[in-house]
């Protein structure tokens, strides 16, 4: 009969494997979204491009503005891919049974940093949409909730790092 700890570890491994597949699907969707945005911006046949529920009408943009929006789209997609990829790798560690390791702590730090950058990208999209809008004087809702979330993830990573250090010290104690 298996111990409770072994059963919990098996459950962690199973759920982590499922979440890794979910991350793979999300990465494909992010790349597909960027490819569609880039195609819309480069073709310049109308439509809109946007992230975070903030859209920019392509037909109203000059070429330099389209290239700026394309660069921001690429940066935003890169931040999302980084965050999702690091989650994918973290779940890979968990599915291998490596939960409290230095590598997992490093992955959490990268996820936290990506969340902070995600919030910055959201602020930039709000600014670009306002700057390139035909009616920029309307009300603007600025939210960057992922910045404090990212900071909290960084703090959790710091706690985990201390826990890993304590575990390593305990393993050396005979």
Protein backbone atom coordinates (compact mmCIF):
# COMPACT_ATOMS: atom_id res chain seq x y z
CA UNK A 1 0.00 0.00 0.00
CA UNK A 2 1.27 3.49 -0.89
CA UNK A 3 1.80 6.17 1.69
CA UNK A 4 -0.21 9.39 1.68
CA UNK A 5 2.88 11.28 0.55
CA UNK A 6 3.37 8.98 -2.45
CA UNK A 7 -0.30 9.37 -3.41
CA UNK A 8 -0.04 13.16 -3.20
CA UNK A 9 3.13 13.15 -5.29
CA UNK A 10 1.45 10.96 -7.92
CA UNK A 11 -1.48 13.40 -8.03
CA UNK A 12 0.91 16.34 -8.44
CA UNK A 13 2.65 14.53 -11.30
CA UNK A 14 -0.65 13.72 -13.04
CA UNK A 15 -2.10 17.23 -12.75
CA UNK A 16 1.22 18.80 -13.80
CA UNK A 17 1.32 16.65 -16.93
CA UNK A 18 -2.18 17.81 -17.89
CA UNK A 19 -1.27 21.46 -17.22
CA UNK A 20 1.85 21.12 -19.40
CA UNK A 21 -0.38 20.17 -22.34
CA UNK A 22 -2.65 23.11 -21.58
CA UNK A 23 0.41 25.41 -21.66
CA UNK A 24 1.40 23.98 -25.05
CA UNK A 25 -2.05 24.80 -26.44
CA UNK A 26 -1.84 28.33 -25.01
CA UNK A 27 1.58 28.89 -26.61
CA UNK A 28 0.20 27.83 -30.00
CA UNK A 29 -2.73 30.24 -29.56
CA UNK A 30 -0.41 33.13 -28.64
CA UNK A 31 1.75 32.52 -31.71
CA UNK A 32 -1.34 32.23 -33.93
CA UNK A 33 -2.70 35.49 -32.50
CA UNK A 34 0.56 37.27 -33.17
CA UNK A 35 0.75 35.93 -36.73
CA UNK A 36 -2.81 37.19 -37.38
CA UNK A 37 -1.98 40.59 -35.87
CA UNK A 38 1.22 40.88 -37.89
CA UNK A 39 -0.61 39.91 -41.08
CA UNK A 40 -3.32 42.49 -40.43
CA UNK A 41 -0.75 45.22 -39.74
CA UNK A 42 1.45 44.41 -42.72
CA UNK A 43 -1.42 43.98 -45.19
CA UNK A 44 -3.06 47.26 -44.10
CA UNK A 45 -6.47 46.31 -45.45
CA UNK A 46 -8.49 47.50 -42.50
CA UNK A 47 -9.54 45.72 -39.37
CA UNK A 48 -8.13 46.21 -35.93
CA UNK A 49 -5.37 44.81 -33.79
CA UNK A 50 -5.43 44.71 -30.06
CA UNK A 51 -4.46 43.07 -26.84
CA UNK A 52 -6.00 43.34 -23.37
CA UNK A 53 -9.37 44.44 -24.81
CA UNK A 54 -7.62 47.50 -26.27
CA UNK A 55 -7.91 47.79 -30.02
CA UNK A 56 -6.28 49.97 -32.64
CA UNK A 57 -7.87 50.54 -36.07
CA UNK A 58 -5.25 49.58 -38.66
CA UNK A 59 -6.64 51.66 -41.52
CA UNK A 60 -6.23 54.86 -39.48
CA UNK A 61 -2.51 54.26 -38.87
CA UNK A 62 0.44 55.58 -40.81
CA UNK A 63 3.15 53.08 -41.74
CA UNK A 64 5.41 54.14 -38.85
CA UNK A 65 2.50 53.75 -36.43
CA UNK A 66 1.71 50.29 -37.83
CA UNK A 67 5.34 49.28 -37.27
CA UNK A 68 5.17 50.60 -33.70
CA UNK A 69 2.02 48.58 -33.06
CA UNK A 70 3.69 45.55 -34.68
CA UNK A 71 6.71 45.92 -32.37
CA UNK A 72 4.42 46.24 -29.35
CA UNK A 73 2.46 43.17 -30.52
CA UNK A 74 5.71 41.21 -30.80
CA UNK A 75 6.87 42.34 -27.35
CA UNK A 76 3.51 41.53 -25.77
CA UNK A 77 3.41 38.10 -27.39
CA UNK A 78 7.00 37.46 -26.26
CA UNK A 79 6.07 38.30 -22.66
CA UNK A 80 3.06 35.98 -22.80
CA UNK A 81 5.12 33.20 -24.36
CA UNK A 82 7.82 33.62 -21.72
CA UNK A 83 5.29 33.38 -18.90
CA UNK A 84 3.51 30.37 -20.38
CA UNK A 85 6.78 28.62 -21.31
CA UNK A 86 8.13 29.06 -17.79
CA UNK A 87 4.87 27.64 -16.41
CA UNK A 88 5.25 24.72 -18.84
CA UNK A 89 8.79 24.09 -17.57
CA UNK A 90 7.72 24.46 -13.93
CA UNK A 91 4.98 21.88 -14.46
CA UNK A 92 7.64 19.71 -16.10
CA UNK A 93 9.65 19.88 -12.88
CA UNK A 94 6.55 19.04 -10.87
CA UNK A 95 5.61 16.15 -13.15
CA UNK A 96 9.11 14.74 -12.55
CA UNK A 97 8.54 15.02 -8.80
CA UNK A 98 10.94 17.95 -8.40
CA UNK A 99 8.79 20.44 -6.51
CA UNK A 100 11.09 22.24 -4.07
CA UNK A 101 14.24 22.72 -6.15
CA UNK A 102 16.44 25.64 -7.13
CA UNK A 103 15.29 25.21 -10.73
CA UNK A 104 11.62 25.50 -9.71
CA UNK A 105 12.46 28.65 -7.74
CA UNK A 106 14.18 30.10 -10.80
CA UNK A 107 11.13 29.32 -12.94
CA UNK A 108 8.88 31.06 -10.42
CA UNK A 109 11.12 34.14 -10.49
CA UNK A 110 10.90 34.27 -14.28
CA UNK A 111 7.11 33.89 -14.11
CA UNK A 112 6.94 36.76 -11.62
CA UNK A 113 9.11 38.97 -13.81
CA UNK A 114 7.00 38.08 -16.86
CA UNK A 115 3.83 39.04 -14.96
CA UNK A 116 5.34 42.44 -14.13
CA UNK A 117 6.27 42.93 -17.80
CA UNK A 118 2.75 41.78 -18.75
CA UNK A 119 1.35 44.65 -16.69
CA UNK A 120 3.78 47.10 -18.28
CA UNK A 121 2.73 45.87 -21.75
CA UNK A 122 -0.91 46.43 -20.78
CA UNK A 123 -0.13 50.02 -19.80
CA UNK A 124 1.73 50.55 -23.08
CA UNK A 125 -1.24 49.23 -25.07
CA UNK A 126 -3.53 51.65 -23.29
CA UNK A 127 -1.17 54.51 -24.13
CA UNK A 128 -0.72 53.49 -27.78
CA UNK A 129 -4.47 53.06 -28.28
CA UNK A 130 -5.07 56.49 -26.79
CA UNK A 131 -2.28 58.13 -28.82
CA UNK A 132 -3.40 56.59 -32.11
CA UNK A 133 -7.13 56.96 -31.55
CA UNK A 134 -9.24 59.34 -33.62
CA UNK A 135 -10.85 60.59 -30.39
CA UNK A 136 -8.10 60.45 -27.75
CA UNK A 137 -9.86 62.70 -25.27
CA UNK A 138 -12.32 60.10 -23.98
CA UNK A 139 -12.01 58.40 -20.65
CA UNK A 140 -9.23 55.86 -20.26
CA UNK A 141 -9.28 52.93 -17.91
CA UNK A 142 -5.77 51.98 -16.83
CA UNK A 143 -5.38 48.67 -15.06
CA UNK A 144 -2.18 46.79 -14.50
CA UNK A 145 -3.23 44.15 -12.01
CA UNK A 146 -0.57 41.73 -13.21
CA UNK A 147 2.19 43.99 -11.84
CA UNK A 148 1.30 43.39 -8.15
CA UNK A 149 0.57 39.73 -8.97
CA UNK A 150 4.05 39.44 -10.46
CA UNK A 151 5.56 41.08 -7.39
CA UNK A 152 3.70 38.59 -5.17
CA UNK A 153 4.99 35.67 -7.27
CA UNK A 154 8.52 37.04 -6.86
CA UNK A 155 8.00 37.14 -3.09
CA UNK A 156 6.68 33.54 -3.10
CA UNK A 157 9.77 32.54 -5.11
CA UNK A 158 11.93 34.18 -2.47
CA UNK A 159 10.13 32.19 0.27
CA UNK A 160 10.56 29.00 -1.75
CA UNK A 161 14.25 29.75 -2.19
CA UNK A 162 14.64 30.02 1.58
CA UNK A 163 12.68 26.77 2.02
CA UNK A 164 14.95 24.99 -0.47
CA UNK A 165 17.98 26.31 1.40
CA UNK A 166 16.57 25.07 4.72
CA UNK A 167 15.85 21.66 3.21
CA UNK A 168 19.39 21.43 1.82
CA UNK A 169 20.83 22.35 5.23
CA UNK A 170 18.67 19.70 6.91
CA UNK A 171 19.82 17.07 4.41
CA UNK A 172 23.44 17.83 5.33
CA UNK A 173 22.71 17.45 9.04
CA UNK A 174 23.42 13.92 10.23
